[in-house]
Amino acid sequence: MIIDGKEISKKVKDSLLPRIECLAKKGIVPGLAVVLIGDDPASKVYVSMKSKAFISMNLVSETFRLPADIDQGSVLSLIDDLNKSEKFHGVLVQLPVPDHLDSMEILQAIDPDKDADGLHPTNMGRMLLGIECPLACTPHGIIMLLKYSKIDTSGQHIIVLGRSNIVGKPIANLLIQKREMGNATVTICHTRTRNLKEITRQADILIAAIGKPEFVDRSFVKKGVVIIDVGVNRVDDPTSKRGYRLVGDVKFDEVKEIAGAITPVPGGVGPMTISMLITNTLYLAEKYETKRSEGI
């Protein structure tokens, strides 16, 4: 089975429409502010895709473009202004930022109640404790891919290949929780893991988020495994008009022959990340409306 992220993403967005209409009747349109620093080509593409998705659902999305040589103080000043703005219910800083900037300080400057990416330490802590909060977008998207594909996680041995703050750590935490689409036994593997292939071949579900193009081949997996490929890597391809093509962390054509289900790249996890960004912004707008109606 090819797990179609585009199709599932559309279903998720369609499910949000009644909530969006409910807010609209109260005069509230969920709004997202995106801060884009520098000229990274991939970041530009991602921001454009996010903006188009919001506009297609009649939501507000505005991109604040900053030069690559901007200083830390100016970035923090903009975030402070966005935190105070009633136009935006969510704020997102597109990562990565230029090397001279402190990305962790920038993320911590975002008001947790406007944290559209779900990456603020306060919300990460809430997620860890199972307290309601905006969830990190890509991990939440993975959960929804599995849910809509009717792939049960309870009791499954799920191996996460990668330990980043954006994907590896949060998805492992979500999957072990006592909740729907949780209750899994989770193993995290990384670059220092010994006997890596012996471990990954135990996986009922393998989540590849290591950032190495086509790293996982058929020798890493057992027959019938479910593969969630988070990687998005550019590799040179002179036959392509762009001179490159996008591949995941998994050798798709090779592994799909023995996998029970697999996500493609592109068209798998990527569309879900954007759907979860919309979900988070809507959630934050609803929280804002609740506080407003209660006079808080």
Protein backbone atom coordinates (compact mmCIF):
# COMPACT_ATOMS: atom_id res chain seq x y z
CA MET A 1 0.00 0.00 0.00
CA ILE A 2 1.28 3.44 -0.94
CA ILE A 3 0.27 5.86 1.82
CA ASP A 4 -0.93 8.92 -0.08
CA GLY A 5 -0.14 12.00 1.99
CA LYS A 6 -1.83 14.33 -0.47
CA GLU A 7 -5.14 12.49 -0.23
CA ILE A 8 -5.04 12.20 3.55
CA SER A 9 -4.00 15.84 3.86
CA LYS A 10 -7.09 16.86 1.92
CA LYS A 11 -9.29 14.80 4.24
CA VAL A 12 -7.73 16.46 7.27
CA LYS A 13 -8.23 19.95 5.83
CA ASP A 14 -11.83 19.14 4.88
CA SER A 15 -12.47 18.06 8.48
CA LEU A 16 -11.36 21.50 9.69
CA LEU A 17 -13.87 23.47 7.58
CA PRO A 18 -16.76 23.41 10.11
CA ARG A 19 -14.46 24.78 12.82
CA ILE A 20 -13.19 27.51 10.47
CA GLU A 21 -16.78 28.46 9.60
CA CYS A 22 -17.69 28.59 13.29
CA LEU A 23 -14.91 31.11 13.94
CA ALA A 24 -15.84 33.11 10.84
CA LYS A 25 -19.35 33.64 12.26
CA LYS A 26 -17.65 35.25 15.26
CA GLY A 27 -15.56 37.50 13.01
CA ILE A 28 -12.32 35.57 13.49
CA VAL A 29 -10.12 34.39 10.63
CA PRO A 30 -7.17 32.25 11.79
CA GLY A 31 -3.94 33.97 10.81
CA LEU A 32 -0.33 32.80 10.54
CA ALA A 33 2.79 34.97 10.47
CA VAL A 34 5.81 33.30 8.88
CA VAL A 35 9.29 34.72 9.44
CA LEU A 36 11.69 33.83 6.62
CA ILE A 37 15.33 34.79 7.14
CA GLY A 38 17.76 34.70 4.22
CA ASP A 39 17.52 33.17 0.76
CA ASP A 40 17.65 29.42 1.32
CA PRO A 41 15.95 27.96 -1.80
CA ALA A 42 14.28 25.06 0.02
CA SER A 43 12.95 27.35 2.73
CA LYS A 44 11.46 29.66 0.09
CA VAL A 45 9.65 26.72 -1.49
CA TYR A 46 8.32 25.48 1.86
CA VAL A 47 7.06 28.93 2.84
CA SER A 48 5.36 29.39 -0.52
CA MET A 49 3.60 26.02 -0.15
CA LYS A 50 2.42 26.89 3.36
CA SER A 51 1.10 30.26 2.22
CA LYS A 52 -0.80 28.76 -0.72
CA ALA A 53 -2.39 26.15 1.55
CA PHE A 54 -3.65 28.82 3.95
CA ILE A 55 -4.97 31.06 1.19
CA SER A 56 -6.79 28.09 -0.42
CA MET A 57 -8.78 27.74 2.81
CA ASN A 58 -9.47 31.49 3.08
CA LEU A 59 -7.12 31.86 6.03
CA VAL A 60 -4.61 34.63 6.66
CA SER A 61 -0.94 33.97 5.91
CA GLU A 62 1.69 36.69 5.78
CA THR A 63 5.40 36.20 5.24
CA PHE A 64 7.94 38.54 6.83
CA ARG A 65 11.15 38.32 4.79
CA LEU A 66 14.35 39.32 6.55
CA PRO A 67 17.87 39.63 5.08
CA ALA A 68 20.39 36.88 5.79
CA ASP A 69 22.70 39.28 7.66
CA ILE A 70 20.05 40.54 10.09
CA ASP A 71 21.08 40.69 13.73
CA GLN A 72 19.53 38.66 16.57
CA GLY A 73 17.97 41.67 18.26
CA SER A 74 16.04 42.70 15.16
CA VAL A 75 14.60 39.20 14.76
CA LEU A 76 13.53 39.13 18.41
CA SER A 77 11.97 42.58 18.06
CA LEU A 78 9.84 41.41 15.11
CA ILE A 79 8.72 38.31 17.00
CA ASP A 80 7.72 40.50 19.95
CA ASP A 81 5.57 42.62 17.62
CA LEU A 82 3.95 39.50 16.14
CA ASN A 83 3.27 38.12 19.62
CA LYS A 84 1.30 41.29 20.39
CA SER A 85 -0.57 41.44 17.07
CA GLU A 86 -4.23 40.40 17.13
CA LYS A 87 -4.10 39.69 13.39
CA PHE A 88 -1.96 36.59 13.86
CA HIS A 89 -2.94 33.62 16.01
CA GLY A 90 0.15 31.64 15.03
CA VAL A 91 3.80 32.59 14.53
CA LEU A 92 6.36 30.41 12.75
CA VAL A 93 10.05 30.97 12.10
CA GLN A 94 11.17 28.95 9.10
CA LEU A 95 14.16 26.79 9.95
CA PRO A 96 17.07 26.65 9.43
CA VAL A 97 18.12 30.22 10.17
CA PRO A 98 21.56 31.63 9.21
CA ASP A 99 24.43 30.28 11.32
CA HIS A 100 25.14 33.54 13.15
CA LEU A 101 21.64 33.52 14.70
CA ASP A 102 20.62 31.60 17.83
CA SER A 103 17.68 29.50 16.65
CA MET A 104 16.82 28.25 20.14
CA GLU A 105 16.57 31.78 21.54
CA ILE A 106 14.40 32.75 18.57
CA LEU A 107 12.03 29.80 19.09
CA GLN A 108 11.77 30.56 22.80
CA ALA A 109 10.85 34.17 22.01
CA ILE A 110 7.60 33.04 20.36
CA ASP A 111 4.62 33.22 22.70
CA PRO A 112 3.70 29.57 23.52
CA ASP A 113 0.07 30.53 22.84
CA LYS A 114 1.10 31.50 19.28
CA ASP A 115 3.47 28.58 18.67
CA ALA A 116 2.13 27.30 15.34
CA ASP A 117 5.01 24.86 14.85
CA GLY A 118 4.62 23.27 18.29
CA LEU A 119 8.36 23.57 18.95
CA HIS A 120 8.45 25.98 21.91
CA PRO A 121 9.98 24.32 25.00
CA THR A 122 6.77 25.01 26.95
CA ASN A 123 4.68 23.11 24.42
CA MET A 124 7.27 20.36 24.11
CA GLY A 125 6.98 19.94 27.88
CA ARG A 126 3.20 19.88 27.69
CA MET A 127 3.37 17.26 24.96
CA LEU A 128 5.75 15.16 27.07
CA LEU A 129 3.25 15.22 29.96
CA GLY A 130 0.25 14.56 27.73
CA ILE A 131 -1.24 18.03 28.30
CA GLU A 132 -3.25 19.57 25.46
CA CYS A 133 -1.10 21.86 23.30
CA PRO A 134 -0.17 22.54 19.68
CA LEU A 135 1.82 19.47 18.64
CA ALA A 136 4.98 19.53 16.54
CA CYS A 137 3.67 19.51 12.98
CA THR A 138 5.64 16.70 11.32
CA PRO A 139 5.23 14.19 14.20
CA HIS A 140 1.53 15.00 14.40
CA GLY A 141 1.30 14.55 10.65
CA ILE A 142 2.87 11.10 10.96
CA ILE A 143 0.30 10.15 13.59
CA MET A 144 -2.52 11.25 11.29
CA LEU A 145 -1.05 9.36 8.32
CA LEU A 146 -1.11 6.16 10.37
CA LYS A 147 -4.59 6.88 11.73
CA TYR A 148 -6.22 7.57 8.36
CA SER A 149 -4.45 4.53 6.90
CA LYS A 150 -5.97 2.40 9.70
CA ILE A 151 -2.54 1.29 10.89
CA ASP A 152 -2.81 0.57 14.60
CA THR A 153 0.19 1.50 16.74
CA SER A 154 -0.88 -0.19 19.97
CA GLY A 155 1.57 -2.93 20.95
CA GLN A 156 3.63 -2.42 17.80
CA HIS A 157 7.42 -2.17 17.87
CA ILE A 158 8.09 1.18 16.24
CA ILE A 159 11.66 2.16 15.44
CA VAL A 160 12.50 5.82 14.91
CA LEU A 161 15.65 6.38 12.88
CA GLY A 162 16.77 9.87 13.94
CA ARG A 163 16.74 11.91 17.16
CA SER A 164 16.11 15.52 16.13
CA ASN A 165 14.04 17.92 18.23
CA ILE A 166 11.74 18.46 15.24
CA VAL A 167 10.88 14.83 14.42
CA GLY A 168 12.68 12.02 16.25
CA LYS A 169 12.22 12.97 19.88
CA PRO A 170 8.61 14.23 19.68
CA ILE A 171 7.28 11.36 17.53
CA ALA A 172 8.84 8.81 19.89
CA ASN A 173 7.14 10.51 22.83
CA LEU A 174 3.73 10.67 21.15
CA LEU A 175 3.84 6.99 20.23
CA ILE A 176 4.57 5.74 23.76
CA GLN A 177 1.77 7.70 25.40
CA LYS A 178 -1.37 6.02 26.73
CA ARG A 179 -3.66 7.46 24.08
CA GLU A 180 -5.22 6.73 20.72
CA MET A 181 -2.46 6.13 18.16
CA GLY A 182 -0.02 5.55 21.02
CA ASN A 183 0.71 2.58 23.29
CA ALA A 184 3.63 1.49 21.12
CA THR A 185 7.00 0.10 22.13
CA VAL A 186 9.47 2.59 20.69
CA THR A 187 13.18 2.29 19.96
CA ILE A 188 15.21 5.31 18.85
CA CYS A 189 18.22 4.66 16.64
CA HIS A 190 20.82 7.18 15.46
CA THR A 191 24.28 7.53 13.98
CA ARG A 192 25.96 5.96 17.02
CA THR A 193 23.68 2.93 17.20
CA ARG A 194 25.55 -0.37 16.96
CA ASN A 195 24.20 -3.25 14.87
CA LEU A 196 21.75 -0.83 13.29
CA LYS A 197 20.33 -3.18 10.67
CA GLU A 198 19.73 -5.92 13.23
CA ILE A 199 17.64 -3.49 15.24
CA THR A 200 15.70 -1.90 12.38
CA ARG A 201 14.75 -5.35 11.04
CA GLN A 202 12.72 -5.81 14.24
CA ALA A 203 10.44 -2.90 13.38
CA ASP A 204 6.75 -3.36 12.69
CA ILE A 205 6.76 0.33 11.77
CA LEU A 206 9.94 2.17 10.77
CA ILE A 207 10.04 5.97 10.79
CA ALA A 208 13.07 7.18 8.83
CA ALA A 209 14.13 10.72 9.75
CA ILE A 210 17.90 10.60 9.54
CA GLY A 211 18.46 13.08 6.70
CA LYS A 212 20.57 10.83 4.51
CA PRO A 213 19.35 10.24 0.95
CA GLU A 214 18.18 6.67 0.31
CA PHE A 215 20.04 5.42 3.38
CA VAL A 216 17.52 2.68 4.18
CA ASP A 217 17.55 -0.18 1.68
CA ARG A 218 15.86 -3.59 1.83
CA SER A 219 18.58 -4.96 4.13
CA PHE A 220 17.27 -2.68 6.91
CA VAL A 221 13.70 -4.00 7.00
CA LYS A 222 11.62 -7.12 7.38
CA LYS A 223 8.81 -8.22 5.08
CA GLY A 224 5.51 -6.45 5.70
CA VAL A 225 6.97 -3.48 7.60
CA VAL A 226 5.23 -0.10 7.49
CA ILE A 227 7.64 2.63 6.34
CA ILE A 228 7.15 6.32 7.10
CA ASP A 229 9.83 8.23 5.18
CA VAL A 230 10.31 11.74 6.61
CA GLY A 231 13.44 12.59 4.62
CA VAL A 232 13.44 15.16 1.82
CA ASN A 233 16.83 15.24 0.11
CA ARG A 234 18.03 16.79 -3.14
CA VAL A 235 20.25 14.61 -5.29
CA ASP A 236 21.84 15.58 -8.61
CA ASP A 237 19.96 14.38 -11.66
CA PRO A 238 21.16 15.68 -15.04
CA THR A 239 18.09 14.17 -16.73
CA SER A 240 15.81 16.51 -14.76
CA LYS A 241 15.02 20.03 -15.95
CA ARG A 242 15.90 21.31 -12.49
CA GLY A 243 19.14 19.36 -12.42
CA TYR A 244 18.09 17.49 -9.30
CA ARG A 245 15.35 15.28 -7.91
CA LEU A 246 13.89 14.78 -4.46
CA VAL A 247 14.37 11.49 -2.64
CA GLY A 248 13.64 10.32 0.86
CA ASP A 249 15.79 8.56 3.43
CA VAL A 250 14.51 5.25 2.03
CA LYS A 251 15.27 3.57 -1.31
CA PHE A 252 11.62 3.64 -2.31
CA ASP A 253 11.68 1.43 -5.42
CA GLU A 254 13.66 -1.26 -3.61
CA VAL A 255 11.93 -1.23 -0.23
CA LYS A 256 8.36 -0.96 -1.56
CA GLU A 257 8.68 -4.51 -2.90
CA ILE A 258 8.79 -5.96 0.62
CA ALA A 259 7.02 -3.30 2.72
CA GLY A 260 3.39 -3.69 3.73
CA ALA A 261 2.87 0.06 3.39
CA ILE A 262 5.15 2.97 2.55
CA THR A 263 5.04 6.74 2.09
CA PRO A 264 6.48 8.24 -1.11
CA VAL A 265 8.76 11.27 -1.34
CA PRO A 266 7.45 13.71 -2.31
CA GLY A 267 3.75 13.29 -1.55
CA GLY A 268 3.92 11.48 1.78
CA VAL A 269 4.75 13.23 5.04
CA GLY A 270 5.27 16.69 3.50
CA PRO A 271 1.61 17.55 2.77
CA MET A 272 0.67 16.36 6.26
CA THR A 273 3.11 18.76 7.91
CA ILE A 274 1.32 21.67 6.24
CA SER A 275 -2.10 20.31 7.24
CA MET A 276 -0.94 20.12 10.85
CA LEU A 277 0.30 23.71 10.65
CA ILE A 278 -3.22 24.74 9.62
CA THR A 279 -4.63 22.56 12.42
CA ASN A 280 -2.39 24.23 14.99
CA THR A 281 -3.22 27.75 13.80
CA LEU A 282 -6.92 26.96 13.97
CA TYR A 283 -6.48 25.49 17.46
CA LEU A 284 -4.65 28.62 18.62
CA ALA A 285 -7.36 30.85 17.12
CA GLU A 286 -10.01 28.88 19.00
CA LYS A 287 -8.06 29.27 22.24
CA TYR A 288 -7.83 33.00 21.57
CA GLU A 289 -11.60 33.21 21.02
CA THR A 290 -12.27 31.30 24.24
CA LYS A 291 -10.10 33.70 26.23
CA ARG A 292 -11.69 36.69 24.53
CA SER A 293 -15.23 35.50 25.25
CA GLU A 294 -14.30 34.91 28.89
CA GLY A 295 -12.73 38.34 29.14
CA ILE A 296 -9.27 36.98 29.91
